[in-house]
Amino acid sequence: MSSADERRPAGRWLQFAIVTVCALALTGCLRPLYGGAGGQPLQQELAAIAVDPIPNRIGYYLARDLRFALNGSGSEVVPRYRLKVVVKQNVQTPLIDTISGRASSATIVIDASYRLYPSGRTEPLTEGVAFTAIAYDRTSQSFANIRAQRDAEIRAAKTLASQIQIRIASALAKR
């Protein structure tokens, strides 16, 4: 029995050594997203993206949130990239009140197609589509419905800006 007790500490050290060696071997495979892109820190690359104006109210909210997500510092940076976004918005009313015949809720479905162009180039560096669906309640008061829809659009713009910012950061980090 004493020989089995003597082997256990050595076995544990061996297991610990194997796990440590494997963990150290894998550390070279990981790279942080905001570590850098093309020799520059990724935050500087994101700040150098100029967002083209986006039409309509949801476009205004989305452009504002994208500018803040990409360059929240407010500092002036010479743009090296141009971001073009096209927004398609649709309002669906999945629930109808059977007594009044009015919609009791609505869902705003928004697709935002984006393309990131390097300055002076016509071929996009990256492109994609961000999607979100935001629900809101409707009442018999028209002003309350307008405000609820606007609040839903603001929430949708924040969600889309976050999705687009993460996708662009990932594309720039891969370069």
C-alpha atoms as a PDB file:
ATOM      1  CA  MET A   1       0.000   0.000   0.000  1.00  0.00           C
ATOM      2  CA  SER A   2       2.786   2.393   0.658  1.00  0.00           C
ATOM      3  CA  SER A   3       4.040   2.026  -2.933  1.00  0.00           C
ATOM      4  CA  ALA A   4       0.637   3.152  -4.333  1.00  0.00           C
ATOM      5  CA  ASP A   5       0.605   6.190  -2.037  1.00  0.00           C
ATOM      6  CA  GLU A   6       4.053   7.161  -3.234  1.00  0.00           C
ATOM      7  CA  ARG A   7       3.002   7.068  -6.911  1.00  0.00           C
ATOM      8  CA  ARG A   8       0.006   9.390  -6.596  1.00  0.00           C
ATOM      9  CA  PRO A   9       1.897  12.679  -6.036  1.00  0.00           C
ATOM     10  CA  ALA A  10       4.173  11.911  -8.990  1.00  0.00           C
ATOM     11  CA  GLY A  11       1.128  11.167 -11.176  1.00  0.00           C
ATOM     12  CA  ARG A  12      -0.506  14.436 -10.214  1.00  0.00           C
ATOM     13  CA  TRP A  13       2.634  16.385 -11.025  1.00  0.00           C
ATOM     14  CA  LEU A  14       2.803  14.649 -14.389  1.00  0.00           C
ATOM     15  CA  GLN A  15      -0.826  15.565 -15.148  1.00  0.00           C
ATOM     16  CA  PHE A  16      -0.194  19.152 -14.073  1.00  0.00           C
ATOM     17  CA  ALA A  17       2.893  19.327 -16.288  1.00  0.00           C
ATOM     18  CA  ILE A  18       0.995  17.969 -19.316  1.00  0.00           C
ATOM     19  CA  VAL A  19      -1.874  20.424 -18.870  1.00  0.00           C
ATOM     20  CA  THR A  20       0.571  23.313 -18.432  1.00  0.00           C
ATOM     21  CA  VAL A  21       2.541  22.409 -21.553  1.00  0.00           C
ATOM     22  CA  CYS A  22      -0.677  22.100 -23.611  1.00  0.00           C
ATOM     23  CA  ALA A  23      -1.960  25.443 -22.320  1.00  0.00           C
ATOM     24  CA  LEU A  24       1.323  27.180 -23.129  1.00  0.00           C
ATOM     25  CA  ALA A  25       1.364  25.663 -26.604  1.00  0.00           C
ATOM     26  CA  LEU A  26      -2.104  27.056 -27.343  1.00  0.00           C
ATOM     27  CA  THR A  27      -1.374  30.586 -26.139  1.00  0.00           C
ATOM     28  CA  GLY A  28       0.302  31.429 -29.435  1.00  0.00           C
ATOM     29  CA  CYS A  29      -2.885  30.548 -31.334  1.00  0.00           C
ATOM     30  CA  LEU A  30      -5.004  33.261 -29.729  1.00  0.00           C
ATOM     31  CA  ARG A  31      -4.952  36.929 -30.645  1.00  0.00           C
ATOM     32  CA  PRO A  32      -7.117  39.537 -28.948  1.00  0.00           C
ATOM     33  CA  LEU A  33      -9.639  41.257 -31.226  1.00  0.00           C
ATOM     34  CA  TYR A  34      -8.593  44.773 -30.291  1.00  0.00           C
ATOM     35  CA  GLY A  35      -4.873  43.929 -30.295  1.00  0.00           C
ATOM     36  CA  GLY A  36      -4.068  45.530 -33.614  1.00  0.00           C
ATOM     37  CA  ALA A  37      -4.620  45.568 -37.349  1.00  0.00           C
ATOM     38  CA  GLY A  38      -1.970  46.224 -39.942  1.00  0.00           C
ATOM     39  CA  GLY A  39       0.555  47.387 -37.364  1.00  0.00           C
ATOM     40  CA  GLN A  40      -1.805  49.887 -35.722  1.00  0.00           C
ATOM     41  CA  PRO A  41      -4.080  49.422 -32.742  1.00  0.00           C
ATOM     42  CA  LEU A  42      -7.546  48.415 -33.898  1.00  0.00           C
ATOM     43  CA  GLN A  43      -9.227  51.315 -32.095  1.00  0.00           C
ATOM     44  CA  GLN A  44      -7.267  53.762 -34.265  1.00  0.00           C
ATOM     45  CA  GLU A  45      -8.347  51.864 -37.377  1.00  0.00           C
ATOM     46  CA  LEU A  46     -11.996  51.970 -36.298  1.00  0.00           C
ATOM     47  CA  ALA A  47     -11.766  55.688 -35.508  1.00  0.00           C
ATOM     48  CA  ALA A  48     -10.538  56.313 -39.073  1.00  0.00           C
ATOM     49  CA  ILE A  49     -13.864  55.155 -40.562  1.00  0.00           C
ATOM     50  CA  ALA A  50     -16.067  57.911 -41.964  1.00  0.00           C
ATOM     51  CA  VAL A  51     -19.765  56.998 -41.939  1.00  0.00           C
ATOM     52  CA  ASP A  52     -21.684  58.250 -44.973  1.00  0.00           C
ATOM     53  CA  PRO A  53     -25.074  59.859 -44.264  1.00  0.00           C
ATOM     54  CA  ILE A  54     -27.927  57.343 -44.107  1.00  0.00           C
ATOM     55  CA  PRO A  55     -31.384  58.557 -45.191  1.00  0.00           C
ATOM     56  CA  ASN A  56     -34.543  58.543 -43.023  1.00  0.00           C
ATOM     57  CA  ARG A  57     -34.968  58.717 -39.264  1.00  0.00           C
ATOM     58  CA  ILE A  58     -33.654  55.202 -38.548  1.00  0.00           C
ATOM     59  CA  GLY A  59     -30.669  56.062 -40.747  1.00  0.00           C
ATOM     60  CA  TYR A  60     -29.949  59.138 -38.665  1.00  0.00           C
ATOM     61  CA  TYR A  61     -30.023  57.114 -35.443  1.00  0.00           C
ATOM     62  CA  LEU A  62     -27.883  54.357 -36.964  1.00  0.00           C
ATOM     63  CA  ALA A  63     -25.265  56.777 -38.347  1.00  0.00           C
ATOM     64  CA  ARG A  64     -25.064  58.569 -34.993  1.00  0.00           C
ATOM     65  CA  ASP A  65     -24.614  55.296 -33.082  1.00  0.00           C
ATOM     66  CA  LEU A  66     -22.054  54.006 -35.604  1.00  0.00           C
ATOM     67  CA  ARG A  67     -19.979  57.170 -35.285  1.00  0.00           C
ATOM     68  CA  PHE A  68     -19.996  56.797 -31.521  1.00  0.00           C
ATOM     69  CA  ALA A  69     -19.221  53.046 -31.640  1.00  0.00           C
ATOM     70  CA  LEU A  70     -16.331  53.530 -34.058  1.00  0.00           C
ATOM     71  CA  ASN A  71     -14.854  56.732 -32.596  1.00  0.00           C
ATOM     72  CA  GLY A  72     -16.330  57.343 -29.171  1.00  0.00           C
ATOM     73  CA  SER A  73     -13.479  59.652 -28.234  1.00  0.00           C
ATOM     74  CA  GLY A  74     -14.778  62.484 -30.401  1.00  0.00           C
ATOM     75  CA  SER A  75     -11.262  63.255 -31.642  1.00  0.00           C
ATOM     76  CA  GLU A  76     -10.767  64.258 -35.262  1.00  0.00           C
ATOM     77  CA  VAL A  77      -9.065  61.507 -37.238  1.00  0.00           C
ATOM     78  CA  VAL A  78      -8.145  61.546 -40.907  1.00  0.00           C
ATOM     79  CA  PRO A  79     -10.530  59.032 -42.513  1.00  0.00           C
ATOM     80  CA  ARG A  80      -8.859  56.041 -44.133  1.00  0.00           C
ATOM     81  CA  TYR A  81     -12.110  54.167 -44.742  1.00  0.00           C
ATOM     82  CA  ARG A  82     -15.650  55.012 -45.831  1.00  0.00           C
ATOM     83  CA  LEU A  83     -18.688  53.099 -44.549  1.00  0.00           C
ATOM     84  CA  LYS A  84     -21.837  53.029 -46.679  1.00  0.00           C
ATOM     85  CA  VAL A  85     -25.006  51.644 -45.119  1.00  0.00           C
ATOM     86  CA  VAL A  86     -28.364  50.976 -46.781  1.00  0.00           C
ATOM     87  CA  VAL A  87     -31.292  50.426 -44.409  1.00  0.00           C
ATOM     88  CA  LYS A  88     -34.538  48.589 -45.183  1.00  0.00           C
ATOM     89  CA  GLN A  89     -37.259  48.887 -42.571  1.00  0.00           C
ATOM     90  CA  ASN A  90     -40.532  47.001 -42.289  1.00  0.00           C
ATOM     91  CA  VAL A  91     -43.198  47.172 -39.571  1.00  0.00           C
ATOM     92  CA  GLN A  92     -45.229  44.051 -38.889  1.00  0.00           C
ATOM     93  CA  THR A  93     -48.279  43.795 -36.617  1.00  0.00           C
ATOM     94  CA  PRO A  94     -48.460  40.231 -35.338  1.00  0.00           C
ATOM     95  CA  LEU A  95     -51.202  40.779 -32.707  1.00  0.00           C
ATOM     96  CA  ILE A  96     -54.615  42.292 -33.442  1.00  0.00           C
ATOM     97  CA  ASP A  97     -57.176  43.140 -30.751  1.00  0.00           C
ATOM     98  CA  THR A  98     -60.351  41.299 -31.781  1.00  0.00           C
ATOM     99  CA  ILE A  99     -62.692  43.827 -30.146  1.00  0.00           C
ATOM    100  CA  SER A 100     -61.281  47.063 -31.554  1.00  0.00           C
ATOM    101  CA  GLY A 101     -59.634  45.599 -34.657  1.00  0.00           C
ATOM    102  CA  ARG A 102     -56.416  47.507 -33.913  1.00  0.00           C
ATOM    103  CA  ALA A 103     -52.917  46.161 -33.623  1.00  0.00           C
ATOM    104  CA  SER A 104     -51.896  45.722 -29.988  1.00  0.00           C
ATOM    105  CA  SER A 105     -48.224  45.255 -30.781  1.00  0.00           C
ATOM    106  CA  ALA A 106     -45.847  45.748 -33.665  1.00  0.00           C
ATOM    107  CA  THR A 107     -42.404  44.551 -34.666  1.00  0.00           C
ATOM    108  CA  ILE A 108     -39.884  46.666 -36.530  1.00  0.00           C
ATOM    109  CA  VAL A 109     -37.717  44.494 -38.780  1.00  0.00           C
ATOM    110  CA  ILE A 110     -34.584  46.237 -40.046  1.00  0.00           C
ATOM    111  CA  ASP A 111     -31.903  45.035 -42.441  1.00  0.00           C
ATOM    112  CA  ALA A 112     -28.760  47.141 -42.711  1.00  0.00           C
ATOM    113  CA  SER A 113     -26.487  46.306 -45.642  1.00  0.00           C
ATOM    114  CA  TYR A 114     -23.040  47.768 -45.114  1.00  0.00           C
ATOM    115  CA  ARG A 115     -19.867  48.076 -47.154  1.00  0.00           C
ATOM    116  CA  LEU A 116     -16.517  49.332 -45.922  1.00  0.00           C
ATOM    117  CA  TYR A 117     -14.339  50.917 -48.588  1.00  0.00           C
ATOM    118  CA  PRO A 118     -10.693  51.956 -48.216  1.00  0.00           C
ATOM    119  CA  SER A 119     -10.282  55.626 -49.140  1.00  0.00           C
ATOM    120  CA  GLY A 120     -10.071  56.136 -52.877  1.00  0.00           C
ATOM    121  CA  ARG A 121     -11.071  52.568 -53.802  1.00  0.00           C
ATOM    122  CA  THR A 122     -14.230  51.199 -55.356  1.00  0.00           C
ATOM    123  CA  GLU A 123     -14.003  47.606 -54.159  1.00  0.00           C
ATOM    124  CA  PRO A 124     -15.214  46.976 -50.601  1.00  0.00           C
ATOM    125  CA  LEU A 125     -12.839  45.735 -47.939  1.00  0.00           C
ATOM    126  CA  THR A 126     -15.714  43.981 -46.197  1.00  0.00           C
ATOM    127  CA  GLU A 127     -19.468  43.867 -46.571  1.00  0.00           C
ATOM    128  CA  GLY A 128     -22.430  42.221 -44.940  1.00  0.00           C
ATOM    129  CA  VAL A 129     -25.960  42.527 -43.640  1.00  0.00           C
ATOM    130  CA  ALA A 130     -26.908  43.178 -40.021  1.00  0.00           C
ATOM    131  CA  PHE A 131     -30.433  42.289 -38.973  1.00  0.00           C
ATOM    132  CA  THR A 132     -32.635  43.056 -35.984  1.00  0.00           C
ATOM    133  CA  ALA A 133     -36.285  42.810 -35.005  1.00  0.00           C
ATOM    134  CA  ILE A 134     -37.603  44.943 -32.136  1.00  0.00           C
ATOM    135  CA  ALA A 135     -41.144  44.620 -30.764  1.00  0.00           C
ATOM    136  CA  TYR A 136     -43.167  47.347 -29.088  1.00  0.00           C
ATOM    137  CA  ASP A 137     -46.700  47.720 -27.698  1.00  0.00           C
ATOM    138  CA  ARG A 138     -49.364  49.822 -29.373  1.00  0.00           C
ATOM    139  CA  THR A 139     -52.323  51.563 -27.769  1.00  0.00           C
ATOM    140  CA  SER A 140     -55.323  53.583 -28.941  1.00  0.00           C
ATOM    141  CA  GLN A 141     -53.343  56.817 -28.474  1.00  0.00           C
ATOM    142  CA  SER A 142     -51.629  57.838 -31.689  1.00  0.00           C
ATOM    143  CA  PHE A 143     -48.888  59.928 -30.053  1.00  0.00           C
ATOM    144  CA  ALA A 144     -47.994  57.040 -27.741  1.00  0.00           C
ATOM    145  CA  ASN A 145     -47.722  54.750 -30.778  1.00  0.00           C
ATOM    146  CA  ILE A 146     -45.457  57.195 -32.594  1.00  0.00           C
ATOM    147  CA  ARG A 147     -43.209  57.545 -29.536  1.00  0.00           C
ATOM    148  CA  ALA A 148     -43.137  53.773 -28.957  1.00  0.00           C
ATOM    149  CA  GLN A 149     -42.106  53.211 -32.576  1.00  0.00           C
ATOM    150  CA  ARG A 150     -39.400  55.864 -32.319  1.00  0.00           C
ATOM    151  CA  ASP A 151     -38.053  54.290 -29.117  1.00  0.00           C
ATOM    152  CA  ALA A 152     -38.003  50.906 -30.860  1.00  0.00           C
ATOM    153  CA  GLU A 153     -36.084  52.452 -33.774  1.00  0.00           C
ATOM    154  CA  ILE A 154     -33.533  53.923 -31.367  1.00  0.00           C
ATOM    155  CA  ARG A 155     -33.051  50.513 -29.703  1.00  0.00           C
ATOM    156  CA  ALA A 156     -32.759  48.869 -33.123  1.00  0.00           C
ATOM    157  CA  ALA A 157     -30.135  51.408 -34.233  1.00  0.00           C
ATOM    158  CA  LYS A 158     -28.011  50.680 -31.156  1.00  0.00           C
ATOM    159  CA  THR A 159     -28.247  46.930 -31.825  1.00  0.00           C
ATOM    160  CA  LEU A 160     -27.358  47.314 -35.509  1.00  0.00           C
ATOM    161  CA  ALA A 161     -24.470  49.679 -34.760  1.00  0.00           C
ATOM    162  CA  SER A 162     -23.038  47.174 -32.310  1.00  0.00           C
ATOM    163  CA  GLN A 163     -23.346  44.314 -34.803  1.00  0.00           C
ATOM    164  CA  ILE A 164     -21.747  46.303 -37.617  1.00  0.00           C
ATOM    165  CA  GLN A 165     -18.937  47.591 -35.389  1.00  0.00           C
ATOM    166  CA  ILE A 166     -18.038  44.072 -34.233  1.00  0.00           C
ATOM    167  CA  ARG A 167     -18.088  42.688 -37.781  1.00  0.00           C
ATOM    168  CA  ILE A 168     -15.920  45.515 -39.103  1.00  0.00           C
ATOM    169  CA  ALA A 169     -13.497  45.146 -36.182  1.00  0.00           C
ATOM    170  CA  SER A 170     -13.222  41.448 -36.932  1.00  0.00           C
ATOM    171  CA  ALA A 171     -12.560  42.096 -40.623  1.00  0.00           C
ATOM    172  CA  LEU A 172      -9.902  44.722 -39.876  1.00  0.00           C
ATOM    173  CA  ALA A 173      -8.230  42.479 -37.287  1.00  0.00           C
ATOM    174  CA  LYS A 174      -7.899  39.682 -39.873  1.00  0.00           C
ATOM    175  CA  ARG A 175      -5.969  41.934 -42.275  1.00  0.00           C
END
